[in-house]
PDB file of all heavy atoms in Angstrom:
ATOM      1  N   SER A   1     -70.152  -4.584  55.740  1.00  0.00           N
ATOM      2  CA  SER A   1     -71.241  -4.193  56.625  1.00  0.00           C
ATOM      3  C   SER A   1     -71.037  -4.840  57.993  1.00  0.00           C
ATOM      4  O   SER A   1     -70.217  -5.746  58.164  1.00  0.00           O
ATOM      5  CB  SER A   1     -72.585  -4.636  56.044  1.00  0.00           C
ATOM      6  OG  SER A   1     -72.700  -6.051  56.105  1.00  0.00           O
ATOM      7  N   ALA A   2     -71.824  -4.385  58.973  1.00  0.00           N
ATOM      8  CA  ALA A   2     -71.721  -4.938  60.317  1.00  0.00           C
ATOM      9  C   ALA A   2     -72.036  -6.424  60.348  1.00  0.00           C
ATOM     10  O   ALA A   2     -71.548  -7.151  61.223  1.00  0.00           O
ATOM     11  CB  ALA A   2     -72.651  -4.177  61.259  1.00  0.00           C
ATOM     12  N   ASP A   3     -72.855  -6.916  59.407  1.00  0.00           N
ATOM     13  CA  ASP A   3     -73.198  -8.339  59.372  1.00  0.00           C
ATOM     14  C   ASP A   3     -72.400  -9.095  58.309  1.00  0.00           C
ATOM     15  O   ASP A   3     -72.807 -10.149  57.845  1.00  0.00           O
ATOM     16  CB  ASP A   3     -74.702  -8.530  59.154  1.00  0.00           C
ATOM     17  CG  ASP A   3     -75.197  -7.882  57.868  1.00  0.00           C
ATOM     18  OD1 ASP A   3     -74.360  -7.336  57.108  1.00  0.00           O
ATOM     19  OD2 ASP A   3     -76.411  -7.915  57.610  1.00  0.00           O
ATOM     20  N   CYS A   4     -71.263  -8.548  57.902  1.00  0.00           N
ATOM     21  CA  CYS A   4     -70.277  -9.218  57.049  1.00  0.00           C
ATOM     22  C   CYS A   4     -70.579  -9.174  55.556  1.00  0.00           C
ATOM     23  O   CYS A   4     -69.873  -9.819  54.776  1.00  0.00           O
ATOM     24  CB  CYS A   4     -70.049 -10.671  57.469  1.00  0.00           C
ATOM     25  SG  CYS A   4     -69.139 -10.843  58.999  1.00  0.00           S
ATOM     26  N   ARG A   5     -71.593  -8.437  55.123  1.00  0.00           N
ATOM     27  CA  ARG A   5     -71.798  -8.314  53.688  1.00  0.00           C
ATOM     28  C   ARG A   5     -70.690  -7.451  53.073  1.00  0.00           C
ATOM     29  O   ARG A   5     -70.258  -6.467  53.654  1.00  0.00           O
ATOM     30  CB  ARG A   5     -73.165  -7.697  53.397  1.00  0.00           C
ATOM     31  CG  ARG A   5     -74.338  -8.631  53.615  1.00  0.00           C
ATOM     32  CD  ARG A   5     -75.669  -7.915  53.440  1.00  0.00           C
ATOM     33  NE  ARG A   5     -75.889  -6.933  54.495  1.00  0.00           N
ATOM     34  CZ  ARG A   5     -76.024  -5.626  54.305  1.00  0.00           C
ATOM     35  NH1 ARG A   5     -75.968  -5.129  53.061  1.00  0.00           N
ATOM     36  NH2 ARG A   5     -76.239  -4.813  55.303  1.00  0.00           N
ATOM     37  N   HIS A   6     -70.247  -7.862  51.894  1.00  0.00           N
ATOM     38  CA  HIS A   6     -69.231  -7.110  51.157  1.00  0.00           C
ATOM     39  C   HIS A   6     -69.958  -5.997  50.411  1.00  0.00           C
ATOM     40  O   HIS A   6     -70.714  -6.254  49.482  1.00  0.00           O
ATOM     41  CB  HIS A   6     -68.510  -8.062  50.200  1.00  0.00           C
ATOM     42  CG  HIS A   6     -67.424  -7.418  49.405  1.00  0.00           C
ATOM     43  ND1 HIS A   6     -66.695  -8.108  48.468  1.00  0.00           N
ATOM     44  CD2 HIS A   6     -66.930  -6.161  49.393  1.00  0.00           C
ATOM     45  CE1 HIS A   6     -65.813  -7.304  47.910  1.00  0.00           C
ATOM     46  NE2 HIS A   6     -65.940  -6.114  48.462  1.00  0.00           N
ATOM     47  N   LEU A   7     -69.720  -4.736  50.808  1.00  0.00           N
ATOM     48  CA  LEU A   7     -70.502  -3.625  50.286  1.00  0.00           C
ATOM     49  C   LEU A   7     -69.885  -2.955  49.070  1.00  0.00           C
ATOM     50  O   LEU A   7     -70.596  -2.594  48.127  1.00  0.00           O
ATOM     51  CB  LEU A   7     -70.703  -2.570  51.379  1.00  0.00           C
ATOM     52  CG  LEU A   7     -71.504  -3.000  52.604  1.00  0.00           C
ATOM     53  CD1 LEU A   7     -71.509  -1.885  53.638  1.00  0.00           C
ATOM     54  CD2 LEU A   7     -72.923  -3.381  52.221  1.00  0.00           C
ATOM     55  N   ALA A   8     -68.570  -2.746  49.088  1.00  0.00           N
ATOM     56  CA  ALA A   8     -67.963  -1.957  48.006  1.00  0.00           C
ATOM     57  C   ALA A   8     -66.455  -2.161  47.978  1.00  0.00           C
ATOM     58  O   ALA A   8     -65.830  -2.449  49.000  1.00  0.00           O
ATOM     59  CB  ALA A   8     -68.275  -0.477  48.183  1.00  0.00           C
ATOM     60  N   ASP A   9     -65.878  -2.024  46.778  1.00  0.00           N
ATOM     61  CA  ASP A   9     -64.430  -1.992  46.564  1.00  0.00           C
ATOM     62  C   ASP A   9     -64.082  -0.663  45.907  1.00  0.00           C
ATOM     63  O   ASP A   9     -64.829  -0.163  45.057  1.00  0.00           O
ATOM     64  CB  ASP A   9     -63.981  -3.133  45.649  1.00  0.00           C
ATOM     65  CG  ASP A   9     -63.913  -4.454  46.382  1.00  0.00           C
ATOM     66  OD1 ASP A   9     -64.968  -5.098  46.524  1.00  0.00           O
ATOM     67  OD2 ASP A   9     -62.813  -4.819  46.813  1.00  0.00           O
ATOM     68  N   LEU A  10     -62.933  -0.127  46.270  1.00  0.00           N
ATOM     69  CA  LEU A  10     -62.544   1.182  45.791  1.00  0.00           C
ATOM     70  C   LEU A  10     -61.028   1.244  45.671  1.00  0.00           C
ATOM     71  O   LEU A  10     -60.320   0.763  46.559  1.00  0.00           O
ATOM     72  CB  LEU A  10     -63.022   2.242  46.801  1.00  0.00           C
ATOM     73  CG  LEU A  10     -62.799   3.722  46.486  1.00  0.00           C
ATOM     74  CD1 LEU A  10     -63.702   4.143  45.347  1.00  0.00           C
ATOM     75  CD2 LEU A  10     -63.083   4.548  47.737  1.00  0.00           C
ATOM     76  N   ASP A  11     -60.517   1.800  44.578  1.00  0.00           N
ATOM     77  CA  ASP A  11     -59.082   2.018  44.411  1.00  0.00           C
ATOM     78  C   ASP A  11     -58.793   3.512  44.453  1.00  0.00           C
ATOM     79  O   ASP A  11     -59.455   4.304  43.769  1.00  0.00           O
ATOM     80  CB  ASP A  11     -58.583   1.447  43.075  1.00  0.00           C
ATOM     81  CG  ASP A  11     -58.477  -0.066  43.103  1.00  0.00           C
ATOM     82  OD1 ASP A  11     -58.338  -0.627  44.207  1.00  0.00           O
ATOM     83  OD2 ASP A  11     -58.547  -0.687  42.032  1.00  0.00           O
ATOM     84  N   VAL A  12     -57.805   3.891  45.254  1.00  0.00           N
ATOM     85  CA  VAL A  12     -57.371   5.280  45.351  1.00  0.00           C
ATOM     86  C   VAL A  12     -55.856   5.316  45.205  1.00  0.00           C
ATOM     87  O   VAL A  12     -55.143   4.614  45.931  1.00  0.00           O
ATOM     88  CB  VAL A  12     -57.780   5.916  46.693  1.00  0.00           C
ATOM     89  CG1 VAL A  12     -57.217   7.331  46.814  1.00  0.00           C
ATOM     90  CG2 VAL A  12     -59.299   5.929  46.839  1.00  0.00           C
ATOM     91  N   THR A  13     -55.374   6.098  44.259  1.00  0.00           N
ATOM     92  CA  THR A  13     -53.936   6.229  44.040  1.00  0.00           C
ATOM     93  C   THR A  13     -53.425   7.474  44.750  1.00  0.00           C
ATOM     94  O   THR A  13     -53.989   8.561  44.606  1.00  0.00           O
ATOM     95  CB  THR A  13     -53.627   6.324  42.540  1.00  0.00           C
ATOM     96  OG1 THR A  13     -54.103   5.137  41.893  1.00  0.00           O
ATOM     97  CG2 THR A  13     -52.130   6.444  42.306  1.00  0.00           C
ATOM     98  N   LEU A  14     -52.358   7.298  45.541  1.00  0.00           N
ATOM     99  CA  LEU A  14     -51.777   8.396  46.301  1.00  0.00           C
ATOM    100  C   LEU A  14     -50.337   8.624  45.857  1.00  0.00           C
ATOM    101  O   LEU A  14     -49.569   7.673  45.715  1.00  0.00           O
ATOM    102  CB  LEU A  14     -51.795   8.083  47.805  1.00  0.00           C
ATOM    103  CG  LEU A  14     -53.165   7.824  48.440  1.00  0.00           C
ATOM    104  CD1 LEU A  14     -52.991   7.392  49.891  1.00  0.00           C
ATOM    105  CD2 LEU A  14     -54.032   9.065  48.353  1.00  0.00           C
ATOM    106  N   THR A  15     -49.979   9.878  45.653  1.00  0.00           N
ATOM    107  CA  THR A  15     -48.589  10.218  45.378  1.00  0.00           C
ATOM    108  C   THR A  15     -47.883  10.504  46.693  1.00  0.00           C
ATOM    109  O   THR A  15     -48.477  10.428  47.774  1.00  0.00           O
ATOM    110  CB  THR A  15     -48.507  11.427  44.443  1.00  0.00           C
ATOM    111  OG1 THR A  15     -49.260  12.507  45.016  1.00  0.00           O
ATOM    112  CG2 THR A  15     -49.093  11.088  43.075  1.00  0.00           C
ATOM    113  N   ASP A  16     -46.607  10.853  46.643  1.00  0.00           N
ATOM    114  CA  ASP A  16     -45.834  11.069  47.860  1.00  0.00           C
ATOM    115  C   ASP A  16     -46.449  12.199  48.697  1.00  0.00           C
ATOM    116  O   ASP A  16     -46.737  13.279  48.183  1.00  0.00           O
ATOM    117  CB  ASP A  16     -44.389  11.413  47.489  1.00  0.00           C
ATOM    118  CG  ASP A  16     -43.459  11.328  48.681  1.00  0.00           C
ATOM    119  OD1 ASP A  16     -43.682  10.443  49.541  1.00  0.00           O
ATOM    120  OD2 ASP A  16     -42.520  12.135  48.758  1.00  0.00           O
ATOM    121  N   ASN A  17     -46.677  11.932  49.995  1.00  0.00           N
ATOM    122  CA  ASN A  17     -47.265  12.889  50.936  1.00  0.00           C
ATOM    123  C   ASN A  17     -48.686  13.300  50.566  1.00  0.00           C
ATOM    124  O   ASN A  17     -49.184  14.333  51.026  1.00  0.00           O
ATOM    125  CB  ASN A  17     -46.389  14.150  51.063  1.00  0.00           C
ATOM    126  CG  ASN A  17     -45.038  13.853  51.670  1.00  0.00           C
ATOM    127  OD1 ASN A  17     -44.935  13.084  52.620  1.00  0.00           O
ATOM    128  ND2 ASN A  17     -43.994  14.442  51.117  1.00  0.00           N
ATOM    129  N   ASP A  18     -49.353  12.484  49.777  1.00  0.00           N
ATOM    130  CA  ASP A  18     -50.717  12.772  49.334  1.00  0.00           C
ATOM    131  C   ASP A  18     -51.718  12.414  50.429  1.00  0.00           C
ATOM    132  O   ASP A  18     -51.465  11.546  51.277  1.00  0.00           O
ATOM    133  CB  ASP A  18     -51.010  11.963  48.068  1.00  0.00           C
ATOM    134  CG  ASP A  18     -52.198  12.492  47.290  1.00  0.00           C
ATOM    135  OD1 ASP A  18     -52.759  13.528  47.683  1.00  0.00           O
ATOM    136  OD2 ASP A  18     -52.551  11.866  46.267  1.00  0.00           O
ATOM    137  N   THR A  19     -52.879  13.079  50.413  1.00  0.00           N
ATOM    138  CA  THR A  19     -53.947  12.834  51.379  1.00  0.00           C
ATOM    139  C   THR A  19     -55.282  12.812  50.653  1.00  0.00           C
ATOM    140  O   THR A  19     -55.517  13.604  49.738  1.00  0.00           O
ATOM    141  CB  THR A  19     -53.974  13.932  52.463  1.00  0.00           C
ATOM    142  OG1 THR A  19     -52.781  13.863  53.236  1.00  0.00           O
ATOM    143  CG2 THR A  19     -55.163  13.752  53.396  1.00  0.00           C
ATOM    144  N   THR A  20     -56.153  11.892  51.078  1.00  0.00           N
ATOM    145  CA  THR A  20     -57.511  11.862  50.530  1.00  0.00           C
ATOM    146  C   THR A  20     -58.502  11.754  51.675  1.00  0.00           C
ATOM    147  O   THR A  20     -58.201  11.183  52.733  1.00  0.00           O
ATOM    148  CB  THR A  20     -57.700  10.682  49.557  1.00  0.00           C
ATOM    149  OG1 THR A  20     -58.978  10.799  48.920  1.00  0.00           O
ATOM    150  CG2 THR A  20     -57.621   9.347  50.273  1.00  0.00           C
ATOM    151  N   ILE A  21     -59.693  12.310  51.485  1.00  0.00           N
ATOM    152  CA  ILE A  21     -60.805  12.190  52.421  1.00  0.00           C
ATOM    153  C   ILE A  21     -61.946  11.519  51.683  1.00  0.00           C
ATOM    154  O   ILE A  21     -62.377  11.984  50.628  1.00  0.00           O
ATOM    155  CB  ILE A  21     -61.246  13.560  52.959  1.00  0.00           C
ATOM    156  CG1 ILE A  21     -60.095  14.225  53.715  1.00  0.00           C
ATOM    157  CG2 ILE A  21     -62.461  13.426  53.862  1.00  0.00           C
ATOM    158  CD1 ILE A  21     -60.373  15.656  54.119  1.00  0.00           C
ATOM    159  N   VAL A  22     -62.433  10.401  52.221  1.00  0.00           N
ATOM    160  CA  VAL A  22     -63.447   9.600  51.539  1.00  0.00           C
ATOM    161  C   VAL A  22     -64.742   9.615  52.348  1.00  0.00           C
ATOM    162  O   VAL A  22     -64.744   9.346  53.554  1.00  0.00           O
ATOM    163  CB  VAL A  22     -62.957   8.156  51.320  1.00  0.00           C
ATOM    164  CG1 VAL A  22     -64.079   7.284  50.749  1.00  0.00           C
ATOM    165  CG2 VAL A  22     -61.753   8.149  50.382  1.00  0.00           C
ATOM    166  N   ASP A  23     -65.814   9.928  51.664  1.00  0.00           N
ATOM    167  CA  ASP A  23     -67.164   9.959  52.231  1.00  0.00           C
ATOM    168  C   ASP A  23     -67.891   8.714  51.728  1.00  0.00           C
ATOM    169  O   ASP A  23     -68.150   8.587  50.523  1.00  0.00           O
ATOM    170  CB  ASP A  23     -67.865  11.235  51.760  1.00  0.00           C
ATOM    171  CG  ASP A  23     -69.325  11.317  52.189  1.00  0.00           C
ATOM    172  OD1 ASP A  23     -69.811  10.368  52.826  1.00  0.00           O
ATOM    173  OD2 ASP A  23     -69.970  12.329  51.869  1.00  0.00           O
ATOM    174  N   PRO A  24     -68.240   7.763  52.623  1.00  0.00           N
ATOM    175  CA  PRO A  24     -68.892   6.530  52.147  1.00  0.00           C
ATOM    176  C   PRO A  24     -70.289   6.740  51.575  1.00  0.00           C
ATOM    177  O   PRO A  24     -70.850   5.803  51.005  1.00  0.00           O
ATOM    178  CB  PRO A  24     -68.925   5.638  53.395  1.00  0.00           C
ATOM    179  CG  PRO A  24     -68.783   6.576  54.535  1.00  0.00           C
ATOM    180  CD  PRO A  24     -67.971   7.728  54.060  1.00  0.00           C
ATOM    181  N   SER A  25     -70.844   7.932  51.702  1.00  0.00           N
ATOM    182  CA  SER A  25     -72.109   8.207  51.025  1.00  0.00           C
ATOM    183  C   SER A  25     -71.879   8.682  49.594  1.00  0.00           C
ATOM    184  O   SER A  25     -72.832   8.909  48.850  1.00  0.00           O
ATOM    185  CB  SER A  25     -72.915   9.266  51.793  1.00  0.00           C
ATOM    186  OG  SER A  25     -72.296  10.541  51.698  1.00  0.00           O
ATOM    187  N   HIS A  26     -70.598   8.809  49.207  1.00  0.00           N
ATOM    188  CA  HIS A  26     -70.255   9.260  47.852  1.00  0.00           C
ATOM    189  C   HIS A  26     -68.919   8.614  47.475  1.00  0.00           C
ATOM    190  O   HIS A  26     -67.903   9.294  47.325  1.00  0.00           O
ATOM    191  CB  HIS A  26     -70.167  10.785  47.799  1.00  0.00           C
ATOM    192  CG  HIS A  26     -70.130  11.346  46.415  1.00  0.00           C
ATOM    193  ND1 HIS A  26     -71.259  11.758  45.741  1.00  0.00           N
ATOM    194  CD2 HIS A  26     -69.105  11.542  45.550  1.00  0.00           C
ATOM    195  CE1 HIS A  26     -70.918  12.203  44.545  1.00  0.00           C
ATOM    196  NE2 HIS A  26     -69.618  12.092  44.402  1.00  0.00           N
ATOM    197  N   LEU A  27     -68.925   7.301  47.315  1.00  0.00           N
ATOM    198  CA  LEU A  27     -67.703   6.549  47.030  1.00  0.00           C
ATOM    199  C   LEU A  27     -67.364   6.609  45.551  1.00  0.00           C
ATOM    200  O   LEU A  27     -68.210   6.327  44.697  1.00  0.00           O
ATOM    201  CB  LEU A  27     -67.864   5.078  47.448  1.00  0.00           C
ATOM    202  CG  LEU A  27     -67.903   4.768  48.936  1.00  0.00           C
ATOM    203  CD1 LEU A  27     -68.162   3.280  49.140  1.00  0.00           C
ATOM    204  CD2 LEU A  27     -66.605   5.178  49.621  1.00  0.00           C
ATOM    205  N   GLN A  28     -66.110   6.944  45.257  1.00  0.00           N
ATOM    206  CA  GLN A  28     -65.669   6.971  43.868  1.00  0.00           C
ATOM    207  C   GLN A  28     -64.155   6.769  43.826  1.00  0.00           C
ATOM    208  O   GLN A  28     -63.419   7.303  44.663  1.00  0.00           O
ATOM    209  CB  GLN A  28     -66.044   8.297  43.215  1.00  0.00           C
ATOM    210  CG  GLN A  28     -65.961   8.297  41.701  1.00  0.00           C
ATOM    211  CD  GLN A  28     -66.534   9.574  41.096  1.00  0.00           C
ATOM    212  OE1 GLN A  28     -66.717  10.575  41.783  1.00  0.00           O
ATOM    213  NE2 GLN A  28     -66.821   9.547  39.805  1.00  0.00           N
ATOM    214  N   ALA A  29     -63.705   5.998  42.873  1.00  0.00           N
ATOM    215  CA  ALA A  29     -62.265   5.754  42.727  1.00  0.00           C
ATOM    216  C   ALA A  29     -61.538   7.062  42.436  1.00  0.00           C
ATOM    217  O   ALA A  29     -62.119   8.013  41.895  1.00  0.00           O
ATOM    218  CB  ALA A  29     -62.013   4.747  41.618  1.00  0.00           C
ATOM    219  N   GLU A  30     -60.242   7.097  42.798  1.00  0.00           N
ATOM    220  CA  GLU A  30     -59.429   8.282  42.562  1.00  0.00           C
ATOM    221  C   GLU A  30     -58.093   7.874  41.951  1.00  0.00           C
ATOM    222  O   GLU A  30     -57.506   6.863  42.332  1.00  0.00           O
ATOM    223  CB  GLU A  30     -59.158   9.033  43.871  1.00  0.00           C
ATOM    224  CG  GLU A  30     -60.386   9.565  44.568  1.00  0.00           C
ATOM    225  CD  GLU A  30     -60.039  10.285  45.851  1.00  0.00           C
ATOM    226  OE1 GLU A  30     -58.896  10.755  45.990  1.00  0.00           O
ATOM    227  OE2 GLU A  30     -60.915  10.370  46.734  1.00  0.00           O
ATOM    228  N   SER A  31     -57.627   8.666  41.013  1.00  0.00           N
ATOM    229  CA  SER A  31     -56.302   8.443  40.431  1.00  0.00           C
ATOM    230  C   SER A  31     -55.650   9.797  40.201  1.00  0.00           C
ATOM    231  O   SER A  31     -56.322  10.834  40.198  1.00  0.00           O
ATOM    232  CB  SER A  31     -56.391   7.674  39.110  1.00  0.00           C
ATOM    233  OG  SER A  31     -57.114   8.428  38.147  1.00  0.00           O
ATOM    234  N   GLN A  32     -54.346   9.784  40.026  1.00  0.00           N
ATOM    235  CA  GLN A  32     -53.624  11.024  39.798  1.00  0.00           C
ATOM    236  C   GLN A  32     -52.662  10.831  38.635  1.00  0.00           C
ATOM    237  O   GLN A  32     -51.723  10.031  38.716  1.00  0.00           O
ATOM    238  CB  GLN A  32     -52.876  11.461  41.054  1.00  0.00           C
ATOM    239  CG  GLN A  32     -52.309  12.874  40.961  1.00  0.00           C
ATOM    240  CD  GLN A  32     -51.896  13.407  42.321  1.00  0.00           C
ATOM    241  OE1 GLN A  32     -52.234  12.853  43.337  1.00  0.00           O
ATOM    242  NE2 GLN A  32     -51.161  14.501  42.325  1.00  0.00           N
ATOM    243  N   ALA A  33     -52.914  11.535  37.560  1.00  0.00           N
ATOM    244  CA  ALA A  33     -52.072  11.406  36.377  1.00  0.00           C
ATOM    245  C   ALA A  33     -50.737  12.110  36.598  1.00  0.00           C
ATOM    246  O   ALA A  33     -50.600  13.006  37.432  1.00  0.00           O
ATOM    247  CB  ALA A  33     -52.787  12.007  35.169  1.00  0.00           C
ATOM    248  N   ALA A  34     -49.742  11.687  35.840  1.00  0.00           N
ATOM    249  CA  ALA A  34     -48.421  12.300  35.937  1.00  0.00           C
ATOM    250  C   ALA A  34     -48.519  13.799  35.674  1.00  0.00           C
ATOM    251  O   ALA A  34     -49.126  14.241  34.700  1.00  0.00           O
ATOM    252  CB  ALA A  34     -47.471  11.652  34.938  1.00  0.00           C
ATOM    253  N   GLY A  35     -47.944  14.588  36.559  1.00  0.00           N
ATOM    254  CA  GLY A  35     -47.953  16.032  36.417  1.00  0.00           C
ATOM    255  C   GLY A  35     -49.166  16.719  37.008  1.00  0.00           C
ATOM    256  O   GLY A  35     -49.177  17.941  37.140  1.00  0.00           O
ATOM    257  N   ALA A  36     -50.198  15.947  37.366  1.00  0.00           N
ATOM    258  CA  ALA A  36     -51.394  16.550  37.956  1.00  0.00           C
ATOM    259  C   ALA A  36     -51.149  16.856  39.427  1.00  0.00           C
ATOM    260  O   ALA A  36     -50.371  16.183  40.101  1.00  0.00           O
ATOM    261  CB  ALA A  36     -52.579  15.603  37.818  1.00  0.00           C
TER     262      ALA A  36
END
């Protein structure tokens, strides 16, 4: 936060040339299984 509070932690897994768009009003971890 602007006043230094720790708000959230999030893990996102990216494959080669992968792209993600994250909306902080809807934070959720992301992963990509083999072949997906």
